[in-house]
């Protein structure tokens, strides 16, 4: 007997086809139902493997057994009529067809029904789920975003040489800065929106879900010779349809650049007002900040580098050229002031820290002389004075510093630097709740602004809220905005992260080559104990290895003060943390608080929870 004919006679092919279709149906049902019950994906993979393995036994079963009116019987033991065989074949055909139709139906339904809006890939970020730390919770991931919400994506550079991305970014950011002043309109922060550069795989609806906005503005810029073309599209992410689009072809001039920005912003607001309710009280207008196109382009290039904290020496050169071309360019002066104030923290040594400070102060004064409402320049001046106080070079009462930072925020409520520095001022004074609220507010305004994220988890750790601090710390690292320079060693020790603690402690700017790191780790694990021998060892090591950095080194303070070595100036981030308790009872701390102006502030405006006065002259802190 021919083997092929025998396989057909025993319906082995039909059973095999029925098995494959039925297995496909089972997998479709499993993939649809099991995730609802949070069944691990490994279960589904195991089910698929079992079905694959069962295919061969099913064929063997079809070969050996025969379906008869009396039930299953071994094929060799019965003589089945041709009519019974025909009925069996029809049953198998219909069963296979039904299983295939059901499986195809499930597959089509799965593709046609939209998925729920996904929240950010990284959960529980400080601006979303860190509710225990005092943040307002964001809407649930399946809720609709606010209709009056928009994100401005970085514009594409379509210039022939591909070297105008900074200019395209500048156009987009200028439009964003106008939109944030529109009452009733929620605008995603620059740091949030610009991270989706070149992420075409997500699509506009996907990006909108990530940013929790209803509308998205995208566009492109092409500079060629003496012409410029700007194309912009406003998209309703819910329907993925254009609400408005326009292309602007103009001669390349500063007047036209500002006019295009103004026209785009006005058109966006008009398009939004046609579909959602927005107050009609706002005048949408892009202010002209300079009369020189060359100066403006230099400023845009410098601003991109500054915001990315890249090539800061080149950034200063660009701003120097911009202010030389237009000495009345206030925005270039204010950015140069902030830049020079920050450069020492990023390792630039072209000037001494004192000279960087002097330059920052000078440039801030130039900016304020041209524009008394320069929020950034006002904040820079206040932060410079605060830094002098903290280095016991008293510059201004803390009340004036706080007032200036609050004034900067009144001028520009989205000034993340001013929010951060105001938080640091309150942190220095022991007002931890106020400081934390400011850092959280900063993280809501600029969701990927590293300094506020780092200061938030340091403040939580100082308050003894270690679980929340670790949560924010991990989210910062997951988002790529953490840095080993600002390590919270107490947090690592609290969670017994010994390897990470030791690895980071051996960084060159910390304690490279220190031989008693085991004792140092033990001191952090038990900060209330006496560690005088360890403190002496640290002093000898620092005098031998880093004598030039010992005086006034705030980098090392967070690592050595908890070990009992108090002869360094502390940074303000850990001043009120549990591991600094012994330091707060030391003469060095009392001198620092008096010389920095903190005690005078406390006596006039109230003492922090951790401190209290003793008579007319003294005080004590827990």
Protein backbone atom coordinates (compact mmCIF):
# COMPACT_ATOMS: atom_id res chain seq x y z
CA UNK A 1 0.00 0.00 0.00
CA UNK A 2 1.28 3.47 -0.90
CA UNK A 3 2.34 5.37 2.27
CA UNK A 4 0.86 8.65 1.04
CA UNK A 5 -2.47 7.02 0.36
CA UNK A 6 -2.47 5.39 3.76
CA UNK A 7 -1.73 8.72 5.47
CA UNK A 8 -4.70 10.23 3.65
CA UNK A 9 -6.93 7.25 4.48
CA UNK A 10 -6.16 7.57 8.17
CA UNK A 11 -6.73 11.40 8.06
CA UNK A 12 -3.21 12.07 9.38
CA UNK A 13 -2.87 15.23 7.25
CA UNK A 14 -6.25 16.57 8.36
CA UNK A 15 -5.43 15.88 12.02
CA UNK A 16 -2.09 17.64 11.60
CA UNK A 17 -3.74 20.68 10.03
CA UNK A 18 -6.45 20.72 12.73
CA UNK A 19 -3.74 20.50 15.42
CA UNK A 20 -1.77 23.44 13.97
CA UNK A 21 -4.84 25.67 13.65
CA UNK A 22 -6.12 24.71 17.11
CA UNK A 23 -2.70 25.36 18.64
CA UNK A 24 -2.65 28.79 16.98
CA UNK A 25 -6.09 29.50 18.47
CA UNK A 26 -4.93 28.44 21.94
CA UNK A 27 -1.90 30.75 21.70
CA UNK A 28 -4.09 33.69 20.57
CA UNK A 29 -6.44 33.16 23.54
CA UNK A 30 -3.53 32.81 25.96
CA UNK A 31 -1.85 36.00 24.75
CA UNK A 32 -5.16 37.87 25.15
CA UNK A 33 -6.37 36.50 28.48
CA UNK A 34 -3.33 35.61 30.58
CA UNK A 35 -1.79 39.15 30.74
CA UNK A 36 -5.03 40.37 32.34
CA UNK A 37 -4.22 38.14 35.33
CA UNK A 38 -0.55 39.30 35.29
CA UNK A 39 0.61 35.80 34.36
CA UNK A 40 4.35 35.90 33.54
CA UNK A 41 5.32 35.74 29.87
CA UNK A 42 7.30 32.59 30.66
CA UNK A 43 4.00 30.71 31.06
CA UNK A 44 2.97 31.64 27.51
CA UNK A 45 6.37 30.61 26.17
CA UNK A 46 6.06 27.30 28.01
CA UNK A 47 2.59 26.72 26.56
CA UNK A 48 3.90 27.30 23.02
CA UNK A 49 6.75 24.84 23.64
CA UNK A 50 4.31 22.18 24.89
CA UNK A 51 2.12 22.63 21.82
CA UNK A 52 5.12 22.25 19.52
CA UNK A 53 6.25 19.09 21.30
CA UNK A 54 2.69 17.68 21.13
CA UNK A 55 2.51 17.87 17.35
CA UNK A 56 4.32 14.57 16.71
CA UNK A 57 2.27 12.57 19.28
CA UNK A 58 -0.90 13.96 17.65
CA UNK A 59 0.17 12.58 14.26
CA UNK A 60 1.05 9.24 15.82
CA UNK A 61 -2.34 9.21 17.52
CA UNK A 62 -4.08 9.85 14.18
CA UNK A 63 -2.14 6.98 12.59
CA UNK A 64 -2.87 4.48 15.34
CA UNK A 65 -6.50 5.27 16.24
CA UNK A 66 -9.70 5.63 14.22
CA UNK A 67 -12.91 7.51 15.11
CA UNK A 68 -15.90 5.14 14.87
CA UNK A 69 -19.58 5.44 15.92
CA UNK A 70 -18.59 3.41 18.98
CA UNK A 71 -15.72 5.78 19.84
CA UNK A 72 -11.93 5.69 19.39
CA UNK A 73 -10.50 2.31 18.44
CA UNK A 74 -7.16 1.07 17.20
CA UNK A 75 -7.12 1.20 13.42
CA UNK A 76 -5.91 -2.38 13.03
CA UNK A 77 -8.74 -3.72 15.18
CA UNK A 78 -11.69 -2.33 13.17
CA UNK A 79 -12.96 -2.18 9.61
CA UNK A 80 -14.35 1.29 9.00
CA UNK A 81 -16.76 1.89 6.13
CA UNK A 82 -16.15 4.48 3.46
CA UNK A 83 -19.16 6.50 4.68
CA UNK A 84 -17.75 6.66 8.24
CA UNK A 85 -14.40 7.78 6.84
CA UNK A 86 -16.15 10.51 4.85
CA UNK A 87 -18.03 11.73 7.91
CA UNK A 88 -14.81 11.85 9.91
CA UNK A 89 -13.13 13.89 7.17
CA UNK A 90 -16.06 16.37 7.10
CA UNK A 91 -15.96 16.77 10.87
CA UNK A 92 -12.22 17.46 10.80
CA UNK A 93 -12.65 19.96 7.94
CA UNK A 94 -15.39 21.87 9.75
CA UNK A 95 -13.53 21.82 13.09
CA UNK A 96 -10.40 23.17 11.38
CA UNK A 97 -12.39 25.90 9.59
CA UNK A 98 -14.13 27.02 12.81
CA UNK A 99 -10.84 27.13 14.74
CA UNK A 100 -9.21 29.14 11.93
CA UNK A 101 -12.08 31.66 11.79
CA UNK A 102 -12.00 32.19 15.57
CA UNK A 103 -8.20 32.58 15.60
CA UNK A 104 -8.27 35.07 12.73
CA UNK A 105 -11.05 36.99 14.47
CA UNK A 106 -9.02 37.28 17.66
CA UNK A 107 -5.96 38.42 15.71
CA UNK A 108 -7.92 41.12 13.84
CA UNK A 109 -9.57 42.35 17.05
CA UNK A 110 -6.21 42.58 18.78
CA UNK A 111 -4.82 44.71 15.95
CA UNK A 112 -7.85 47.00 15.64
CA UNK A 113 -8.47 47.77 19.31
CA UNK A 114 -6.07 50.59 20.39
CA UNK A 115 -3.75 50.00 23.29
CA UNK A 116 -4.11 52.03 26.44
CA UNK A 117 -1.87 55.04 26.57
CA UNK A 118 1.38 53.98 28.09
CA UNK A 119 3.03 55.98 30.80
CA UNK A 120 6.72 56.84 30.75
CA UNK A 121 9.02 53.87 30.36
CA UNK A 122 10.63 54.67 33.69
CA UNK A 123 7.99 54.55 36.41
CA UNK A 124 7.77 56.51 39.63
CA UNK A 125 9.97 59.40 38.58
CA UNK A 126 10.03 62.29 41.00
CA UNK A 127 7.68 64.30 38.84
CA UNK A 128 5.22 61.41 38.55
CA UNK A 129 4.87 58.71 41.16
CA UNK A 130 6.99 59.97 44.04
CA UNK A 131 3.82 61.02 45.80
CA UNK A 132 5.13 60.16 49.28
CA UNK A 133 7.81 62.78 48.74
CA UNK A 134 5.17 65.46 48.34
CA UNK A 135 4.64 65.52 44.58
CA UNK A 136 1.20 65.77 43.06
CA UNK A 137 0.40 62.48 41.30
CA UNK A 138 0.13 62.53 37.54
CA UNK A 139 -3.03 61.22 35.87
CA UNK A 140 -3.29 57.48 35.46
CA UNK A 141 -1.68 56.11 32.31
CA UNK A 142 -5.07 55.34 30.71
CA UNK A 143 -6.48 58.83 31.29
CA UNK A 144 -6.82 61.42 28.55
CA UNK A 145 -4.20 64.21 28.57
CA UNK A 146 -5.31 67.77 29.12
CA UNK A 147 -6.73 69.03 25.78
CA UNK A 148 -4.91 72.33 26.38
CA UNK A 149 -1.48 70.69 26.38
CA UNK A 150 1.31 70.73 23.82
CA UNK A 151 4.89 69.64 23.28
CA UNK A 152 7.32 71.40 20.95
CA UNK A 153 9.71 68.88 19.42
CA UNK A 154 13.16 69.90 18.18
CA UNK A 155 12.94 71.04 14.57
CA UNK A 156 14.86 69.04 11.97
CA UNK A 157 17.85 70.63 10.25
CA UNK A 158 17.40 70.29 6.48
CA UNK A 159 20.19 72.67 5.55
CA UNK A 160 22.50 71.47 2.74
CA UNK A 161 25.51 71.09 5.01
CA UNK A 162 23.54 69.68 7.97
CA UNK A 163 25.34 72.07 10.31
CA UNK A 164 22.42 74.21 11.47
CA UNK A 165 20.85 71.97 14.13
CA UNK A 166 21.54 74.56 16.83
CA UNK A 167 19.65 77.13 14.73
CA UNK A 168 16.71 74.76 14.20
CA UNK A 169 16.66 73.99 17.93
CA UNK A 170 16.75 77.69 18.67
CA UNK A 171 13.70 78.36 16.47
CA UNK A 172 11.77 75.59 18.25
CA UNK A 173 12.82 76.76 21.70
CA UNK A 174 11.88 80.38 21.01
CA UNK A 175 8.41 79.23 19.99
CA UNK A 176 8.19 77.10 23.15
CA UNK A 177 9.16 80.11 25.28
CA UNK A 178 6.28 82.09 23.78
CA UNK A 179 3.75 79.30 24.28
CA UNK A 180 4.58 78.87 27.98
CA UNK A 181 3.30 82.41 28.53
CA UNK A 182 -0.14 81.58 27.13
CA UNK A 183 -2.66 81.35 29.97
CA UNK A 184 -4.36 77.99 30.24
CA UNK A 185 -1.87 76.17 27.99
CA UNK A 186 0.27 73.40 29.47
CA UNK A 187 3.60 73.10 27.65
CA UNK A 188 5.96 70.15 28.07
CA UNK A 189 9.42 71.19 29.20
CA UNK A 190 12.26 71.55 26.73
CA UNK A 191 14.32 68.82 28.42
CA UNK A 192 11.40 66.40 28.13
CA UNK A 193 10.41 67.16 24.55
CA UNK A 194 13.90 67.46 23.08
CA UNK A 195 14.90 63.97 24.21
CA UNK A 196 12.63 62.61 21.46
CA UNK A 197 14.92 63.92 18.75
CA UNK A 198 15.14 61.39 15.89
CA UNK A 199 12.82 58.87 17.60
CA UNK A 200 10.64 58.37 14.53
CA UNK A 201 9.79 54.80 15.55
CA UNK A 202 7.47 56.06 18.29
CA UNK A 203 5.38 58.26 16.01
CA UNK A 204 3.59 61.40 17.15
CA UNK A 205 0.88 59.54 19.14
CA UNK A 206 3.55 57.56 20.97
CA UNK A 207 5.61 60.65 21.80
CA UNK A 208 2.47 62.44 22.98
CA UNK A 209 1.66 59.53 25.30
CA UNK A 210 5.16 59.63 26.75
CA UNK A 211 4.87 63.38 27.37
CA UNK A 212 1.21 63.23 28.45
CA UNK A 213 0.14 65.94 25.99
CA UNK A 214 -2.70 66.20 23.48
CA UNK A 215 -0.93 68.28 20.81
CA UNK A 216 2.54 68.17 19.26
CA UNK A 217 4.35 70.77 17.18
CA UNK A 218 7.04 69.51 14.83
CA UNK A 219 8.90 71.22 12.06
CA UNK A 220 12.06 71.73 10.06
CA UNK A 221 14.44 74.53 9.14
CA UNK A 222 16.45 74.90 5.93
CA UNK A 223 19.06 77.62 5.60
CA UNK A 224 20.62 77.96 2.18
CA UNK A 225 22.56 81.02 1.13
CA UNK A 226 20.50 84.09 1.91
CA UNK A 227 17.17 82.26 2.20
CA UNK A 228 15.42 80.40 4.99
CA UNK A 229 12.52 77.95 4.88
CA UNK A 230 10.68 76.98 8.06
CA UNK A 231 7.97 74.35 7.99
CA UNK A 232 5.78 73.64 11.01
CA UNK A 233 2.87 71.28 11.69
CA UNK A 234 0.51 71.20 14.66
CA UNK A 235 -0.83 67.69 15.23
CA UNK A 236 -3.70 66.44 17.36
CA UNK A 237 -2.08 63.29 18.78
CA UNK A 238 -5.42 61.68 19.65
CA UNK A 239 -6.47 61.53 15.99
CA UNK A 240 -2.95 61.85 14.52
CA UNK A 241 -4.29 64.56 12.20
CA UNK A 242 -2.90 67.98 11.33
CA UNK A 243 -4.74 70.93 12.84
CA UNK A 244 -2.49 73.40 11.08
CA UNK A 245 0.61 73.45 8.89
CA UNK A 246 2.51 76.13 7.05
CA UNK A 247 5.75 76.70 5.18
CA UNK A 248 7.54 80.04 5.38
CA UNK A 249 9.98 80.98 2.64
CA UNK A 250 11.78 84.22 3.42
CA UNK A 251 15.06 85.98 2.82
CA UNK A 252 17.47 85.32 5.66
CA UNK A 253 17.34 88.30 7.97
CA UNK A 254 16.94 88.73 11.71
CA UNK A 255 13.65 90.54 11.20
CA UNK A 256 12.27 87.61 9.21
CA UNK A 257 13.53 85.01 11.70
CA UNK A 258 11.70 86.71 14.57
CA UNK A 259 8.65 87.29 12.37
CA UNK A 260 8.44 83.60 11.47
CA UNK A 261 8.64 82.60 15.13
CA UNK A 262 5.93 85.11 15.97
CA UNK A 263 3.66 83.96 13.15
CA UNK A 264 4.04 80.28 14.05
CA UNK A 265 3.27 80.88 17.72
CA UNK A 266 0.24 83.03 16.84
CA UNK A 267 -1.06 80.46 14.36
CA UNK A 268 -0.71 77.65 16.90
CA UNK A 269 -2.67 79.53 19.54
CA UNK A 270 -5.35 80.43 16.97
CA UNK A 271 -5.62 76.79 15.85
CA UNK A 272 -5.89 75.58 19.43
CA UNK A 273 -8.52 78.18 20.28
CA UNK A 274 -10.65 76.91 17.40
CA UNK A 275 -10.94 73.47 19.03
CA UNK A 276 -10.40 74.00 22.79
CA UNK A 277 -11.08 76.74 25.29
CA UNK A 278 -8.18 79.10 25.94
CA UNK A 279 -8.35 82.56 27.49
CA UNK A 280 -8.26 85.25 24.81
CA UNK A 281 -6.34 87.69 27.00
CA UNK A 282 -2.84 86.76 25.88
CA UNK A 283 -0.87 88.69 23.30
CA UNK A 284 1.35 86.19 21.52
CA UNK A 285 4.57 87.97 20.66
CA UNK A 286 8.24 87.09 20.15
CA UNK A 287 10.43 89.86 21.50
CA UNK A 288 13.38 91.08 19.47
CA UNK A 289 16.46 90.61 21.66
CA UNK A 290 19.19 91.84 19.30
CA UNK A 291 19.59 93.76 16.06
CA UNK A 292 22.31 91.46 14.71
CA UNK A 293 21.62 88.16 12.97
CA UNK A 294 25.25 87.11 13.47
CA UNK A 295 25.05 87.75 17.22
CA UNK A 296 21.75 85.89 17.43
CA UNK A 297 23.14 82.83 15.63
CA UNK A 298 26.18 82.79 17.94
CA UNK A 299 23.84 83.02 20.92
CA UNK A 300 21.71 80.10 19.71
CA UNK A 301 24.79 77.94 19.17
CA UNK A 302 26.12 78.84 22.64
CA UNK A 303 22.77 78.20 24.31
CA UNK A 304 22.59 74.68 22.88
CA UNK A 305 26.04 73.87 24.28
CA UNK A 306 25.22 75.48 27.63
CA UNK A 307 21.99 73.53 28.10
CA UNK A 308 23.82 70.31 27.27
CA UNK A 309 26.72 71.29 29.58
CA UNK A 310 29.13 70.61 26.70
CA UNK A 311 32.27 72.44 25.53
CA UNK A 312 31.73 75.27 27.99
CA UNK A 313 34.99 76.97 27.06
CA UNK A 314 33.83 77.15 23.43
CA UNK A 315 30.46 78.36 24.70
CA UNK A 316 32.13 81.29 26.44
CA UNK A 317 34.01 82.14 23.24
CA UNK A 318 30.78 82.15 21.23
CA UNK A 319 29.09 84.44 23.76
CA UNK A 320 32.12 86.73 23.86
CA UNK A 321 31.83 87.14 20.08
CA UNK A 322 28.07 87.71 20.32
CA UNK A 323 28.44 90.44 22.96
CA UNK A 324 31.26 92.02 20.97
CA UNK A 325 29.03 92.26 17.90
CA UNK A 326 26.08 93.56 19.93
CA UNK A 327 27.13 94.93 23.35
CA UNK A 328 23.44 95.53 24.16
CA UNK A 329 22.43 91.87 23.74
CA UNK A 330 21.10 91.27 27.28
CA UNK A 331 20.26 87.59 26.77
CA UNK A 332 23.82 86.84 25.72
CA UNK A 333 25.17 88.65 28.78
CA UNK A 334 22.87 86.77 31.19
CA UNK A 335 23.79 83.41 29.67
CA UNK A 336 27.47 84.29 29.89
CA UNK A 337 27.00 85.20 33.56
CA UNK A 338 25.42 81.81 34.34
CA UNK A 339 28.10 80.04 32.31
CA UNK A 340 31.04 81.58 34.17
CA UNK A 341 29.44 80.86 37.51
CA UNK A 342 29.09 77.15 36.62
CA UNK A 343 32.38 76.48 34.83
CA UNK A 344 34.48 75.75 37.95
CA UNK A 345 32.01 73.01 38.93
CA UNK A 346 32.66 71.31 35.58
CA UNK A 347 36.43 71.26 35.93
CA UNK A 348 37.40 74.33 33.88
CA UNK A 349 40.56 75.98 35.20
CA UNK A 350 41.27 78.74 32.68
CA UNK A 351 40.61 81.16 35.54
CA UNK A 352 40.64 80.77 39.30
CA UNK A 353 37.27 80.17 40.99
CA UNK A 354 37.41 83.73 42.29
CA UNK A 355 37.97 85.11 38.78
CA UNK A 356 35.12 83.02 37.36
CA UNK A 357 32.93 84.44 40.12
CA UNK A 358 34.01 88.00 39.34
CA UNK A 359 33.26 87.50 35.65
CA UNK A 360 29.85 86.03 36.42
CA UNK A 361 29.01 89.00 38.62
CA UNK A 362 30.19 91.48 35.99
CA UNK A 363 28.23 89.86 33.18
CA UNK A 364 25.08 89.63 35.31
CA UNK A 365 25.35 93.36 36.05
CA UNK A 366 25.71 94.08 32.32
CA UNK A 367 22.57 92.06 31.61
CA UNK A 368 20.55 93.75 34.36
CA UNK A 369 21.73 97.15 33.20
CA UNK A 370 20.23 96.39 29.79
CA UNK A 371 17.19 94.48 31.07
CA UNK A 372 16.22 94.95 34.74
CA UNK A 373 13.77 92.04 34.31
CA UNK A 374 16.47 89.52 33.43
CA UNK A 375 15.37 86.58 35.61
CA UNK A 376 18.52 84.56 34.98
CA UNK A 377 20.92 87.43 35.72
CA UNK A 378 19.10 88.25 38.95
CA UNK A 379 19.27 84.60 40.03
CA UNK A 380 22.98 84.37 39.13
CA UNK A 381 23.81 87.36 41.29
CA UNK A 382 21.88 85.88 44.21
CA UNK A 383 23.59 82.51 43.83
CA UNK A 384 27.04 84.10 43.71
CA UNK A 385 26.31 85.89 46.98
CA UNK A 386 25.05 82.67 48.52
CA UNK A 387 28.25 80.87 47.50
CA UNK A 388 30.34 83.56 49.17
CA UNK A 389 28.35 83.20 52.37
CA UNK A 390 28.80 79.44 52.38
CA UNK A 391 32.55 79.90 52.03
CA UNK A 392 32.47 82.26 55.04
CA UNK A 393 33.05 85.33 52.84
CA UNK A 394 29.84 87.03 53.91
CA UNK A 395 28.31 88.92 50.98
CA UNK A 396 24.64 89.57 51.77
CA UNK A 397 22.00 88.60 54.34
CA UNK A 398 20.23 85.38 53.43
CA UNK A 399 16.91 87.22 53.47
CA UNK A 400 18.11 89.37 50.54
CA UNK A 401 19.41 86.35 48.66
CA UNK A 402 16.09 84.55 49.06
CA UNK A 403 14.16 87.68 48.07
CA UNK A 404 16.18 88.05 44.85
CA UNK A 405 15.68 84.40 43.91
CA UNK A 406 11.94 84.73 44.56
CA UNK A 407 11.90 87.88 42.40
CA UNK A 408 13.61 85.94 39.61
CA UNK A 409 10.85 83.34 39.80
CA UNK A 410 8.18 86.02 39.76
CA UNK A 411 9.65 87.29 36.48
CA UNK A 412 10.01 83.78 35.03
CA UNK A 413 8.13 81.06 36.97
CA UNK A 414 9.79 78.36 34.83
CA UNK A 415 13.37 79.42 35.65
CA UNK A 416 14.67 76.02 36.77
CA UNK A 417 18.03 77.42 37.86
CA UNK A 418 16.36 79.95 40.16
CA UNK A 419 14.14 77.22 41.62
CA UNK A 420 17.15 75.01 42.21
CA UNK A 421 19.22 77.75 43.84
CA UNK A 422 16.33 78.88 46.02
CA UNK A 423 15.94 75.27 47.14
CA UNK A 424 19.65 75.14 47.99
CA UNK A 425 19.34 78.36 50.02
CA UNK A 426 16.56 76.86 52.13
CA UNK A 427 18.45 73.58 52.39
CA UNK A 428 21.47 75.43 53.82
CA UNK A 429 19.21 77.10 56.37
CA UNK A 430 17.71 73.78 57.47
CA UNK A 431 14.27 74.37 55.92
CA UNK A 432 14.14 70.89 54.44
CA UNK A 433 10.42 70.77 53.65
CA UNK A 434 10.61 74.04 51.71
CA UNK A 435 13.75 72.92 49.88
CA UNK A 436 12.18 69.60 48.91
CA UNK A 437 9.05 71.30 47.57
CA UNK A 438 11.18 73.58 45.39
CA UNK A 439 13.22 70.70 43.95
CA UNK A 440 10.02 68.78 43.21
CA UNK A 441 8.51 71.85 41.54
CA UNK A 442 11.68 72.22 39.48
CA UNK A 443 11.43 68.59 38.38
CA UNK A 444 7.86 69.11 37.25
CA UNK A 445 8.83 72.16 35.19
CA UNK A 446 12.00 70.64 33.73
CA UNK A 447 11.58 66.90 34.09
CA UNK A 448 15.12 65.99 33.04
CA UNK A 449 17.07 68.76 34.76
CA UNK A 450 19.82 66.86 36.57
CA UNK A 451 20.67 69.28 39.42
CA UNK A 452 17.10 69.38 40.75
CA UNK A 453 16.78 65.60 40.52
CA UNK A 454 20.06 65.08 42.40
CA UNK A 455 19.17 67.66 45.04
CA UNK A 456 15.78 66.06 45.52
CA UNK A 457 17.15 62.65 46.45
CA UNK A 458 19.85 64.21 48.64
CA UNK A 459 17.19 66.17 50.53
CA UNK A 460 15.04 63.07 50.97
CA UNK A 461 18.06 61.22 52.35
CA UNK A 462 18.79 64.10 54.75
CA UNK A 463 15.21 63.78 56.00
CA UNK A 464 15.74 60.07 56.66
CA UNK A 465 13.35 59.09 53.85
CA UNK A 466 15.83 56.63 52.36
CA UNK A 467 13.41 54.46 50.38
CA UNK A 468 12.07 57.50 48.53
CA UNK A 469 15.59 58.85 48.05
CA UNK A 470 16.75 55.59 46.51
CA UNK A 471 13.73 55.53 44.24
CA UNK A 472 14.52 59.00 42.87
CA UNK A 473 18.24 58.17 42.66
CA UNK A 474 17.57 55.06 40.58
CA UNK A 475 15.18 56.91 38.28
CA UNK A 476 17.79 59.61 37.69
CA UNK A 477 20.29 56.96 36.68
CA UNK A 478 17.74 55.21 34.45
CA UNK A 479 17.04 58.50 32.69
CA UNK A 480 20.75 59.10 32.11
CA UNK A 481 20.91 62.28 34.20
CA UNK A 482 22.84 61.04 37.22
CA UNK A 483 26.52 61.66 37.78
CA UNK A 484 29.15 60.03 39.95
CA UNK A 485 30.46 63.48 40.91
CA UNK A 486 27.46 64.08 43.18
CA UNK A 487 27.42 60.77 45.02
CA UNK A 488 25.36 60.29 48.16
CA UNK A 489 27.62 57.89 50.03
CA UNK A 490 25.31 57.74 53.04
CA UNK A 491 22.51 56.43 50.82
CA UNK A 492 24.75 53.70 49.42
CA UNK A 493 25.88 52.71 52.90
CA UNK A 494 22.32 52.68 54.25
CA UNK A 495 21.32 50.08 51.63
CA UNK A 496 24.58 48.14 52.12
CA UNK A 497 25.85 48.86 48.59
CA UNK A 498 29.42 48.24 49.67
CA UNK A 499 30.95 47.63 46.23
CA UNK A 500 29.38 50.77 44.74
CA UNK A 501 30.47 52.80 47.78
CA UNK A 502 34.10 51.70 47.50
CA UNK A 503 34.26 52.01 43.74
CA UNK A 504 33.01 55.60 43.83
CA UNK A 505 35.17 56.53 46.81
CA UNK A 506 38.26 55.67 44.77
CA UNK A 507 37.52 58.28 42.10
CA UNK A 508 40.50 60.62 41.57
CA UNK A 509 38.57 63.63 42.92
CA UNK A 510 37.69 61.69 46.06
CA UNK A 511 40.06 59.36 47.94
CA UNK A 512 42.18 57.74 45.27
CA UNK A 513 44.63 55.36 46.95
CA UNK A 514 43.24 55.63 50.48
CA UNK A 515 44.05 52.32 52.21
CA UNK A 516 41.43 52.30 54.97
CA UNK A 517 38.30 52.27 52.87
CA UNK A 518 36.92 49.35 54.92
CA UNK A 519 37.01 51.52 58.04
CA UNK A 520 35.47 54.40 56.08
CA UNK A 521 32.58 52.22 54.96
CA UNK A 522 32.10 51.00 58.52
CA UNK A 523 31.96 54.62 59.71
CA UNK A 524 29.13 55.33 57.29
CA UNK A 525 27.31 52.23 58.48
CA UNK A 526 27.64 53.44 62.08
CA UNK A 527 27.84 57.27 61.89
CA UNK A 528 27.09 57.84 65.57
CA UNK A 529 30.29 56.13 66.75
CA UNK A 530 33.65 57.78 67.41
CA UNK A 531 36.08 57.61 64.47
CA UNK A 532 39.02 59.77 65.60
CA UNK A 533 41.68 57.35 64.30
CA UNK A 534 40.01 57.27 60.90
CA UNK A 535 39.76 61.06 60.85
CA UNK A 536 43.52 61.31 61.55
CA UNK A 537 44.23 58.85 58.73
CA UNK A 538 42.09 60.88 56.34
CA UNK A 539 43.89 64.06 57.30
CA UNK A 540 47.31 62.50 56.67
CA UNK A 541 46.17 61.09 53.33
CA UNK A 542 44.68 64.37 52.14
CA UNK A 543 47.71 66.41 53.21
CA UNK A 544 49.98 63.98 51.40
CA UNK A 545 47.95 63.37 48.23
CA UNK A 546 45.78 66.44 47.78
CA UNK A 547 47.29 69.26 49.78
CA UNK A 548 46.33 71.81 47.14
CA UNK A 549 42.68 70.71 47.27
CA UNK A 550 42.31 70.33 51.01
CA UNK A 551 41.55 73.96 51.76
CA UNK A 552 37.90 74.69 51.06
CA UNK A 553 37.23 71.39 49.28
CA UNK A 554 33.49 70.81 49.24
CA UNK A 555 33.84 67.82 46.90
CA UNK A 556 35.36 65.75 49.68
CA UNK A 557 33.16 66.96 52.51
CA UNK A 558 30.32 64.50 51.89
CA UNK A 559 32.78 61.63 52.21
CA UNK A 560 35.05 62.69 55.07
CA UNK A 561 32.85 64.68 57.46
CA UNK A 562 30.76 61.63 58.46
CA UNK A 563 34.07 59.92 59.30
CA UNK A 564 34.92 62.68 61.79
CA UNK A 565 37.22 64.84 59.66
CA UNK A 566 35.75 68.33 60.00
CA UNK A 567 38.53 70.49 58.53
CA UNK A 568 36.86 70.91 55.13
CA UNK A 569 34.05 73.25 54.15
CA UNK A 570 30.85 71.26 53.69
CA UNK A 571 28.52 71.56 50.76
CA UNK A 572 24.95 72.31 51.68
CA UNK A 573 23.46 69.10 50.31
CA UNK A 574 24.19 66.89 53.33
CA UNK A 575 24.49 69.50 56.07
CA UNK A 576 21.34 68.27 57.86
CA UNK A 577 21.67 64.56 57.15
CA UNK A 578 21.85 62.02 60.01
CA UNK A 579 25.52 61.22 59.34
CA UNK A 580 26.42 64.90 59.96
CA UNK A 581 24.96 64.87 63.50
CA UNK A 582 28.38 64.95 65.20
CA UNK A 583 29.56 67.70 62.88
CA UNK A 584 26.56 69.83 63.85
CA UNK A 585 27.81 69.74 67.44
CA UNK A 586 31.34 70.79 66.46
CA UNK A 587 32.98 74.23 66.75
CA UNK A 588 33.52 74.18 62.97
CA UNK A 589 29.78 73.99 62.34
CA UNK A 590 29.00 76.77 64.80
CA UNK A 591 31.58 79.03 63.15
CA UNK A 592 30.25 78.22 59.69
CA UNK A 593 26.64 78.99 60.55
CA UNK A 594 27.59 82.27 62.19
CA UNK A 595 29.93 83.41 59.42
CA UNK A 596 27.56 82.40 56.63
CA UNK A 597 24.73 84.50 58.03
CA UNK A 598 22.50 81.52 58.83
CA UNK A 599 22.28 82.26 62.56
CA UNK A 600 21.35 85.90 61.92
CA UNK A 601 18.60 84.69 59.59
CA UNK A 602 17.31 82.22 62.17
CA UNK A 603 17.17 84.83 64.91
CA UNK A 604 15.08 87.12 62.71
CA UNK A 605 12.90 84.67 60.79
CA UNK A 606 12.70 81.59 63.00
CA UNK A 607 14.79 78.56 63.81
CA UNK A 608 14.70 75.33 61.83
CA UNK A 609 13.30 72.24 63.50
CA UNK A 610 16.76 70.85 64.20
CA UNK A 611 18.12 73.94 66.00
CA UNK A 612 17.33 76.21 68.93
CA UNK A 613 18.94 79.28 70.58
CA UNK A 614 20.90 79.12 73.79
CA UNK A 615 20.85 82.52 75.42
CA UNK A 616 21.67 85.60 73.38
CA UNK A 617 24.80 84.34 71.65
CA UNK A 618 24.83 80.56 71.35
CA UNK A 619 22.73 77.86 69.74
CA UNK A 620 22.64 74.11 69.35
CA UNK A 621 21.48 71.75 66.60
CA UNK A 622 20.56 68.09 66.68
